[in-house]
Amino acid sequence: MTPASPKETGDFKTRLLRFNDTKLLHPMTVHIPNGMVPVAALFMAAGCFFSVQALIWAAFYNLAIIFLAMPGVMITGAASWKFRYKGASTPLFKTKIFCSILLFVVSGAILLWQILRPINPQHLTIESWAMVAAYAALLAPTARAGALGGKLIFAARKKI
């Protein structure tokens, strides 16, 4: 049995893109921000509303995980976009890309803001409530990108 030729298997980049697509790496990675952004926002709001420092820390750590996961989400998403959708430049893909960049940048900015200006739940200020609003604002790009991804994947299914 002879080894497969590079033409049959494709070059390394093609094999990597195919692996990403067949193993569904992007759908798996997007579950991190899609699941954790609402939790982080809820923890931050509850922490401030009920004056519980542990919930504020939990929100911070959740957001840190989201921030660290976003490069993987964006890389696997770009790979799927290029391999499966041939890099189609449509409003849907442009919006998904914009939402993921926005989520990454804003979550990083919130983390930096929270490091520089920690919230004291015993002495809440307007700035503290602005941070709660910033956490809640992350829901918009997360939900939009997720809804577009669902539309992209499930649009071909027939309705029963």
N, C-alpha and C. Protein backbone atom coordinates (compact mmCIF):
# COMPACT_ATOMS: atom_id res chain seq x y z
N MET A 1 0.85 -1.17 0.00
CA MET A 1 0.00 0.00 0.00
C MET A 1 0.89 1.24 0.00
N THR A 2 0.67 2.10 -0.93
CA THR A 2 1.50 3.30 -1.05
C THR A 2 0.86 4.43 -0.26
N PRO A 3 1.71 5.30 0.26
CA PRO A 3 1.14 6.43 0.99
C PRO A 3 0.39 7.36 0.04
N ALA A 4 -0.60 8.05 0.60
CA ALA A 4 -1.39 8.98 -0.20
C ALA A 4 -0.52 10.13 -0.67
N SER A 5 -0.75 10.56 -1.87
CA SER A 5 0.03 11.67 -2.40
C SER A 5 -0.48 12.98 -1.79
N PRO A 6 0.36 14.02 -1.77
CA PRO A 6 -0.09 15.30 -1.23
C PRO A 6 -1.32 15.84 -1.97
N LYS A 7 -1.43 15.49 -3.26
CA LYS A 7 -2.58 15.96 -4.02
C LYS A 7 -3.89 15.37 -3.47
N GLU A 8 -3.83 14.10 -3.04
CA GLU A 8 -5.03 13.45 -2.52
C GLU A 8 -5.40 13.96 -1.13
N THR A 9 -4.42 14.21 -0.29
CA THR A 9 -4.71 14.63 1.08
C THR A 9 -4.71 16.14 1.23
N GLY A 10 -4.11 16.86 0.32
CA GLY A 10 -4.01 18.30 0.42
C GLY A 10 -2.79 18.69 1.23
N ASP A 11 -2.43 19.94 1.14
CA ASP A 11 -1.29 20.42 1.91
C ASP A 11 -1.69 20.54 3.38
N PHE A 12 -0.73 20.91 4.20
CA PHE A 12 -0.97 20.97 5.65
C PHE A 12 -2.10 21.92 5.99
N LYS A 13 -2.13 23.08 5.36
CA LYS A 13 -3.16 24.07 5.65
C LYS A 13 -4.55 23.52 5.31
N THR A 14 -4.68 22.86 4.17
CA THR A 14 -5.97 22.29 3.78
C THR A 14 -6.40 21.20 4.75
N ARG A 15 -5.45 20.36 5.16
CA ARG A 15 -5.78 19.31 6.13
C ARG A 15 -6.21 19.90 7.46
N LEU A 16 -5.55 20.97 7.88
CA LEU A 16 -5.90 21.64 9.13
C LEU A 16 -7.31 22.25 9.05
N LEU A 17 -7.60 22.90 7.92
CA LEU A 17 -8.93 23.48 7.74
C LEU A 17 -10.00 22.38 7.70
N ARG A 18 -9.71 21.28 7.04
CA ARG A 18 -10.64 20.16 6.97
C ARG A 18 -10.85 19.57 8.37
N PHE A 19 -9.78 19.44 9.15
CA PHE A 19 -9.87 18.91 10.51
C PHE A 19 -10.78 19.80 11.35
N ASN A 20 -10.57 21.11 11.25
CA ASN A 20 -11.40 22.07 11.99
C ASN A 20 -12.86 21.90 11.63
N ASP A 21 -13.13 21.71 10.35
CA ASP A 21 -14.50 21.60 9.88
C ASP A 21 -15.14 20.26 10.26
N THR A 22 -14.41 19.16 10.07
CA THR A 22 -15.00 17.85 10.36
C THR A 22 -15.14 17.58 11.85
N LYS A 23 -14.27 18.13 12.66
CA LYS A 23 -14.34 17.93 14.12
C LYS A 23 -15.19 18.98 14.81
N LEU A 24 -15.76 19.90 14.04
CA LEU A 24 -16.68 20.93 14.55
C LEU A 24 -16.05 21.75 15.69
N LEU A 25 -14.81 22.16 15.49
CA LEU A 25 -14.13 22.91 16.54
C LEU A 25 -14.78 24.26 16.82
N HIS A 26 -15.24 24.95 15.77
CA HIS A 26 -15.86 26.25 16.00
C HIS A 26 -17.16 26.13 16.80
N PRO A 27 -18.07 25.24 16.42
CA PRO A 27 -19.29 25.13 17.24
C PRO A 27 -19.00 24.79 18.70
N MET A 28 -17.94 24.01 18.94
CA MET A 28 -17.60 23.69 20.33
C MET A 28 -17.04 24.91 21.06
N THR A 29 -16.16 25.67 20.39
CA THR A 29 -15.54 26.80 21.08
C THR A 29 -16.52 27.93 21.35
N VAL A 30 -17.51 28.12 20.48
CA VAL A 30 -18.45 29.24 20.70
C VAL A 30 -19.34 29.02 21.91
N HIS A 31 -19.42 27.79 22.40
CA HIS A 31 -20.24 27.56 23.59
C HIS A 31 -19.65 28.23 24.83
N ILE A 32 -18.36 28.52 24.81
CA ILE A 32 -17.75 29.18 25.97
C ILE A 32 -18.32 30.59 26.13
N PRO A 33 -18.15 31.49 25.14
CA PRO A 33 -18.73 32.83 25.35
C PRO A 33 -20.26 32.83 25.38
N ASN A 34 -20.88 31.99 24.55
CA ASN A 34 -22.35 31.98 24.52
C ASN A 34 -22.95 31.58 25.86
N GLY A 35 -22.27 30.70 26.57
CA GLY A 35 -22.78 30.28 27.87
C GLY A 35 -22.31 31.14 29.03
N MET A 36 -21.10 31.67 28.91
CA MET A 36 -20.50 32.37 30.05
C MET A 36 -20.79 33.87 30.09
N VAL A 37 -21.07 34.50 28.96
CA VAL A 37 -21.37 35.94 28.98
C VAL A 37 -22.62 36.22 29.82
N PRO A 38 -23.73 35.49 29.61
CA PRO A 38 -24.89 35.76 30.47
C PRO A 38 -24.61 35.49 31.95
N VAL A 39 -23.83 34.47 32.24
CA VAL A 39 -23.50 34.14 33.63
C VAL A 39 -22.67 35.26 34.24
N ALA A 40 -21.68 35.74 33.51
CA ALA A 40 -20.83 36.83 34.02
C ALA A 40 -21.67 38.08 34.29
N ALA A 41 -22.57 38.41 33.36
CA ALA A 41 -23.43 39.59 33.55
C ALA A 41 -24.35 39.41 34.76
N LEU A 42 -24.89 38.21 34.91
CA LEU A 42 -25.77 37.93 36.05
C LEU A 42 -25.00 38.01 37.36
N PHE A 43 -23.81 37.41 37.40
CA PHE A 43 -22.99 37.48 38.61
C PHE A 43 -22.65 38.92 38.98
N MET A 44 -22.27 39.73 37.98
CA MET A 44 -21.91 41.11 38.27
C MET A 44 -23.11 41.89 38.80
N ALA A 45 -24.25 41.73 38.15
CA ALA A 45 -25.45 42.44 38.60
C ALA A 45 -25.86 41.99 40.00
N ALA A 46 -25.87 40.69 40.22
CA ALA A 46 -26.26 40.16 41.54
C ALA A 46 -25.26 40.58 42.60
N GLY A 47 -23.98 40.55 42.26
CA GLY A 47 -22.95 40.96 43.21
C GLY A 47 -23.12 42.40 43.66
N CYS A 48 -23.43 43.28 42.73
CA CYS A 48 -23.63 44.68 43.08
C CYS A 48 -24.97 44.90 43.78
N PHE A 49 -26.01 44.26 43.28
CA PHE A 49 -27.34 44.44 43.86
C PHE A 49 -27.43 43.92 45.29
N PHE A 50 -26.81 42.75 45.54
CA PHE A 50 -26.88 42.15 46.88
C PHE A 50 -25.62 42.40 47.71
N SER A 51 -24.69 43.20 47.20
CA SER A 51 -23.44 43.55 47.90
C SER A 51 -22.63 42.30 48.29
N VAL A 52 -22.37 41.44 47.30
CA VAL A 52 -21.61 40.21 47.53
C VAL A 52 -20.34 40.24 46.68
N GLN A 53 -19.22 40.45 47.34
CA GLN A 53 -17.94 40.56 46.65
C GLN A 53 -17.58 39.28 45.89
N ALA A 54 -17.93 38.12 46.44
CA ALA A 54 -17.60 36.85 45.78
C ALA A 54 -18.25 36.75 44.39
N LEU A 55 -19.47 37.26 44.24
CA LEU A 55 -20.13 37.24 42.93
C LEU A 55 -19.44 38.19 41.95
N ILE A 56 -18.95 39.29 42.45
CA ILE A 56 -18.22 40.23 41.59
C ILE A 56 -16.92 39.59 41.10
N TRP A 57 -16.24 38.88 42.00
CA TRP A 57 -15.03 38.15 41.59
C TRP A 57 -15.37 37.04 40.61
N ALA A 58 -16.48 36.35 40.83
CA ALA A 58 -16.89 35.29 39.92
C ALA A 58 -17.16 35.86 38.52
N ALA A 59 -17.79 37.02 38.46
CA ALA A 59 -18.03 37.68 37.17
C ALA A 59 -16.70 38.00 36.49
N PHE A 60 -15.76 38.52 37.26
CA PHE A 60 -14.44 38.87 36.72
C PHE A 60 -13.75 37.63 36.15
N TYR A 61 -13.73 36.54 36.89
CA TYR A 61 -13.05 35.33 36.43
C TYR A 61 -13.76 34.72 35.22
N ASN A 62 -15.08 34.77 35.20
CA ASN A 62 -15.81 34.31 34.03
C ASN A 62 -15.44 35.13 32.80
N LEU A 63 -15.36 36.44 32.98
CA LEU A 63 -15.00 37.32 31.86
C LEU A 63 -13.57 37.07 31.40
N ALA A 64 -12.68 36.76 32.33
CA ALA A 64 -11.30 36.45 31.96
C ALA A 64 -11.25 35.18 31.10
N ILE A 65 -12.04 34.19 31.44
CA ILE A 65 -12.09 32.96 30.64
C ILE A 65 -12.66 33.25 29.25
N ILE A 66 -13.69 34.07 29.20
CA ILE A 66 -14.27 34.46 27.91
C ILE A 66 -13.21 35.16 27.05
N PHE A 67 -12.51 36.11 27.65
CA PHE A 67 -11.47 36.86 26.93
C PHE A 67 -10.39 35.92 26.40
N LEU A 68 -9.98 34.97 27.22
CA LEU A 68 -8.94 34.03 26.79
C LEU A 68 -9.44 33.04 25.73
N ALA A 69 -10.72 32.74 25.74
CA ALA A 69 -11.29 31.80 24.77
C ALA A 69 -11.56 32.45 23.41
N MET A 70 -11.75 33.75 23.38
CA MET A 70 -12.15 34.41 22.13
C MET A 70 -11.16 34.24 20.98
N PRO A 71 -9.86 34.28 21.19
CA PRO A 71 -8.97 34.02 20.03
C PRO A 71 -9.22 32.66 19.39
N GLY A 72 -9.45 31.63 20.20
CA GLY A 72 -9.77 30.31 19.65
C GLY A 72 -11.08 30.32 18.89
N VAL A 73 -12.06 31.02 19.42
CA VAL A 73 -13.36 31.13 18.75
C VAL A 73 -13.17 31.81 17.39
N MET A 74 -12.41 32.89 17.38
CA MET A 74 -12.21 33.65 16.15
C MET A 74 -11.38 32.88 15.13
N ILE A 75 -10.37 32.18 15.58
CA ILE A 75 -9.51 31.41 14.66
C ILE A 75 -10.29 30.25 14.05
N THR A 76 -11.01 29.49 14.88
CA THR A 76 -11.78 28.37 14.33
C THR A 76 -12.93 28.86 13.45
N GLY A 77 -13.51 30.00 13.81
CA GLY A 77 -14.57 30.57 12.98
C GLY A 77 -14.05 31.03 11.63
N ALA A 78 -12.89 31.68 11.63
CA ALA A 78 -12.29 32.12 10.36
C ALA A 78 -11.93 30.91 9.50
N ALA A 79 -11.43 29.86 10.13
CA ALA A 79 -11.08 28.65 9.38
C ALA A 79 -12.33 28.02 8.76
N SER A 80 -13.40 27.93 9.52
CA SER A 80 -14.65 27.37 8.98
C SER A 80 -15.19 28.24 7.86
N TRP A 81 -15.11 29.53 8.05
CA TRP A 81 -15.58 30.48 7.04
C TRP A 81 -14.80 30.32 5.74
N LYS A 82 -13.50 30.20 5.85
CA LYS A 82 -12.68 30.06 4.64
C LYS A 82 -12.85 28.69 3.98
N PHE A 83 -12.96 27.64 4.77
CA PHE A 83 -13.03 26.29 4.21
C PHE A 83 -14.44 25.94 3.75
N ARG A 84 -15.41 26.08 4.63
CA ARG A 84 -16.78 25.65 4.31
C ARG A 84 -17.51 26.65 3.43
N TYR A 85 -17.30 27.95 3.69
CA TYR A 85 -18.06 28.98 2.99
C TYR A 85 -17.22 29.75 1.97
N LYS A 86 -16.03 29.27 1.72
CA LYS A 86 -15.11 29.84 0.71
C LYS A 86 -14.84 31.32 0.92
N GLY A 87 -14.87 31.76 2.17
CA GLY A 87 -14.57 33.15 2.49
C GLY A 87 -15.58 34.14 1.94
N ALA A 88 -16.81 33.71 1.79
CA ALA A 88 -17.85 34.57 1.23
C ALA A 88 -17.98 35.85 2.05
N SER A 89 -17.94 36.98 1.36
CA SER A 89 -18.02 38.28 2.02
C SER A 89 -19.48 38.77 1.99
N THR A 90 -20.28 38.23 2.90
CA THR A 90 -21.69 38.59 2.97
C THR A 90 -21.94 39.40 4.24
N PRO A 91 -23.05 40.12 4.31
CA PRO A 91 -23.36 40.86 5.54
C PRO A 91 -23.41 39.96 6.77
N LEU A 92 -23.89 38.73 6.62
CA LEU A 92 -23.96 37.81 7.74
C LEU A 92 -22.57 37.54 8.32
N PHE A 93 -21.62 37.20 7.47
CA PHE A 93 -20.27 36.92 7.95
C PHE A 93 -19.60 38.18 8.48
N LYS A 94 -19.81 39.30 7.83
CA LYS A 94 -19.22 40.56 8.30
C LYS A 94 -19.73 40.90 9.70
N THR A 95 -21.03 40.67 9.92
CA THR A 95 -21.61 40.95 11.23
C THR A 95 -21.05 40.00 12.29
N LYS A 96 -20.95 38.71 11.94
CA LYS A 96 -20.39 37.74 12.90
C LYS A 96 -18.94 38.10 13.26
N ILE A 97 -18.16 38.47 12.27
CA ILE A 97 -16.76 38.85 12.52
C ILE A 97 -16.71 40.10 13.39
N PHE A 98 -17.53 41.10 13.07
CA PHE A 98 -17.57 42.33 13.86
C PHE A 98 -17.97 42.04 15.31
N CYS A 99 -18.98 41.20 15.50
CA CYS A 99 -19.45 40.87 16.85
C CYS A 99 -18.36 40.17 17.65
N SER A 100 -17.62 39.26 17.03
CA SER A 100 -16.58 38.54 17.77
C SER A 100 -15.43 39.46 18.13
N ILE A 101 -15.06 40.35 17.22
CA ILE A 101 -13.99 41.33 17.54
C ILE A 101 -14.47 42.26 18.65
N LEU A 102 -15.70 42.71 18.55
CA LEU A 102 -16.27 43.60 19.58
C LEU A 102 -16.28 42.92 20.95
N LEU A 103 -16.70 41.67 21.00
CA LEU A 103 -16.73 40.93 22.26
C LEU A 103 -15.32 40.79 22.84
N PHE A 104 -14.36 40.48 22.01
CA PHE A 104 -12.98 40.33 22.47
C PHE A 104 -12.42 41.65 23.00
N VAL A 105 -12.59 42.72 22.25
CA VAL A 105 -12.03 44.02 22.65
C VAL A 105 -12.73 44.57 23.89
N VAL A 106 -14.05 44.51 23.90
CA VAL A 106 -14.80 45.07 25.03
C VAL A 106 -14.57 44.25 26.30
N SER A 107 -14.51 42.93 26.18
CA SER A 107 -14.25 42.13 27.38
C SER A 107 -12.85 42.43 27.93
N GLY A 108 -11.88 42.61 27.05
CA GLY A 108 -10.54 43.00 27.50
C GLY A 108 -10.53 44.36 28.17
N ALA A 109 -11.28 45.31 27.62
CA ALA A 109 -11.36 46.65 28.21
C ALA A 109 -12.04 46.60 29.59
N ILE A 110 -13.10 45.81 29.71
CA ILE A 110 -13.79 45.68 31.01
C ILE A 110 -12.85 45.05 32.03
N LEU A 111 -12.12 44.02 31.64
CA LEU A 111 -11.17 43.39 32.57
C LEU A 111 -10.14 44.40 33.05
N LEU A 112 -9.59 45.16 32.12
CA LEU A 112 -8.59 46.18 32.49
C LEU A 112 -9.22 47.22 33.41
N TRP A 113 -10.42 47.66 33.08
CA TRP A 113 -11.14 48.64 33.89
C TRP A 113 -11.36 48.09 35.30
N GLN A 114 -11.75 46.83 35.40
CA GLN A 114 -12.02 46.25 36.71
C GLN A 114 -10.74 46.03 37.51
N ILE A 115 -9.62 45.78 36.83
CA ILE A 115 -8.34 45.66 37.53
C ILE A 115 -7.91 47.01 38.08
N LEU A 116 -8.07 48.05 37.25
CA LEU A 116 -7.63 49.39 37.67
C LEU A 116 -8.58 50.04 38.67
N ARG A 117 -9.86 49.73 38.56
CA ARG A 117 -10.88 50.33 39.43
C ARG A 117 -11.79 49.25 39.99
N PRO A 118 -11.31 48.45 40.95
CA PRO A 118 -12.13 47.35 41.49
C PRO A 118 -13.41 47.88 42.14
N ILE A 119 -14.42 47.05 42.07
CA ILE A 119 -15.72 47.41 42.66
C ILE A 119 -15.74 47.01 44.13
N ASN A 120 -16.17 47.93 44.96
CA ASN A 120 -16.41 47.65 46.37
C ASN A 120 -17.92 47.60 46.54
N PRO A 121 -18.49 46.42 46.76
CA PRO A 121 -19.96 46.33 46.83
C PRO A 121 -20.56 47.05 48.04
N GLN A 122 -19.73 47.40 49.01
CA GLN A 122 -20.23 48.13 50.18
C GLN A 122 -20.33 49.63 49.89
N HIS A 123 -19.67 50.06 48.80
CA HIS A 123 -19.67 51.48 48.43
C HIS A 123 -19.79 51.58 46.91
N LEU A 124 -21.00 51.36 46.42
CA LEU A 124 -21.22 51.38 44.97
C LEU A 124 -21.34 52.81 44.47
N THR A 125 -20.74 53.04 43.32
CA THR A 125 -20.77 54.36 42.69
C THR A 125 -21.44 54.26 41.32
N ILE A 126 -21.56 55.38 40.67
CA ILE A 126 -22.09 55.40 39.30
C ILE A 126 -21.17 54.57 38.40
N GLU A 127 -19.87 54.64 38.65
CA GLU A 127 -18.90 53.87 37.87
C GLU A 127 -19.13 52.36 38.05
N SER A 128 -19.48 51.95 39.25
CA SER A 128 -19.78 50.54 39.50
C SER A 128 -20.97 50.08 38.68
N TRP A 129 -22.01 50.88 38.65
CA TRP A 129 -23.20 50.52 37.88
C TRP A 129 -22.92 50.60 36.38
N ALA A 130 -22.01 51.48 35.98
CA ALA A 130 -21.60 51.52 34.57
C ALA A 130 -20.89 50.22 34.19
N MET A 131 -20.13 49.66 35.12
CA MET A 131 -19.47 48.38 34.84
C MET A 131 -20.51 47.27 34.72
N VAL A 132 -21.53 47.30 35.55
CA VAL A 132 -22.62 46.32 35.43
C VAL A 132 -23.26 46.45 34.05
N ALA A 133 -23.48 47.68 33.61
CA ALA A 133 -24.07 47.92 32.29
C ALA A 133 -23.14 47.42 31.18
N ALA A 134 -21.83 47.59 31.37
CA ALA A 134 -20.87 47.11 30.37
C ALA A 134 -20.92 45.58 30.26
N TYR A 135 -21.01 44.92 31.40
CA TYR A 135 -21.15 43.45 31.38
C TYR A 135 -22.43 43.07 30.64
N ALA A 136 -23.52 43.74 30.94
CA ALA A 136 -24.80 43.44 30.29
C ALA A 136 -24.74 43.75 28.79
N ALA A 137 -24.00 44.78 28.42
CA ALA A 137 -23.88 45.15 27.01
C ALA A 137 -23.18 44.07 26.19
N LEU A 138 -22.37 43.24 26.84
CA LEU A 138 -21.71 42.14 26.12
C LEU A 138 -22.72 41.11 25.61
N LEU A 139 -23.91 41.12 26.18
CA LEU A 139 -24.94 40.17 25.72
C LEU A 139 -25.34 40.43 24.27
N ALA A 140 -25.34 41.69 23.85
CA ALA A 140 -25.80 42.02 22.50
C ALA A 140 -24.94 41.39 21.40
N PRO A 141 -23.61 41.63 21.37
CA PRO A 141 -22.84 41.00 20.29
C PRO A 141 -22.79 39.47 20.40
N THR A 142 -22.84 38.96 21.63
CA THR A 142 -22.83 37.51 21.82
C THR A 142 -24.11 36.89 21.25
N ALA A 143 -25.24 37.47 21.59
CA ALA A 143 -26.52 36.95 21.12
C ALA A 143 -26.66 37.11 19.60
N ARG A 144 -26.20 38.24 19.09
CA ARG A 144 -26.32 38.48 17.64
C ARG A 144 -25.48 37.47 16.85
N ALA A 145 -24.24 37.29 17.25
CA ALA A 145 -23.37 36.34 16.54
C ALA A 145 -23.93 34.92 16.66
N GLY A 146 -24.43 34.56 17.82
CA GLY A 146 -25.01 33.24 18.01
C GLY A 146 -26.27 33.03 17.18
N ALA A 147 -27.11 34.04 17.11
CA ALA A 147 -28.33 33.94 16.31
C ALA A 147 -28.00 33.81 14.83
N LEU A 148 -27.02 34.57 14.37
CA LEU A 148 -26.62 34.46 12.96
C LEU A 148 -26.00 33.10 12.66
N GLY A 149 -25.23 32.58 13.60
CA GLY A 149 -24.65 31.25 13.42
C GLY A 149 -25.74 30.18 13.34
N GLY A 150 -26.74 30.31 14.19
CA GLY A 150 -27.86 29.38 14.15
C GLY A 150 -28.62 29.47 12.85
N LYS A 151 -28.82 30.71 12.39
CA LYS A 151 -29.51 30.91 11.12
C LYS A 151 -28.72 30.28 9.98
N LEU A 152 -27.43 30.42 10.03
CA LEU A 152 -26.55 29.87 9.00
C LEU A 152 -26.61 28.35 8.98
N ILE A 153 -26.56 27.74 10.14
CA ILE A 153 -26.53 26.28 10.25
C ILE A 153 -27.90 25.66 10.02
N PHE A 154 -28.93 26.23 10.61
CA PHE A 154 -30.24 25.59 10.60
C PHE A 154 -31.16 26.07 9.49
N ALA A 155 -30.74 27.04 8.68
CA ALA A 155 -31.60 27.55 7.62
C ALA A 155 -31.93 26.50 6.58
N ALA A 156 -31.02 25.55 6.38
CA ALA A 156 -31.24 24.52 5.36
C ALA A 156 -32.20 23.43 5.83
N ARG A 157 -32.48 23.37 7.12
CA ARG A 157 -33.39 22.33 7.63
C ARG A 157 -34.82 22.64 7.20
N LYS A 158 -35.55 21.60 6.87
CA LYS A 158 -36.95 21.77 6.50
C LYS A 158 -37.79 21.85 7.75
N LYS A 159 -38.79 22.73 7.70
CA LYS A 159 -39.70 22.85 8.83
C LYS A 159 -40.73 21.73 8.77
N ILE A 160 -41.07 21.22 9.94
CA ILE A 160 -42.04 20.11 10.01
C ILE A 160 -43.42 20.68 10.19
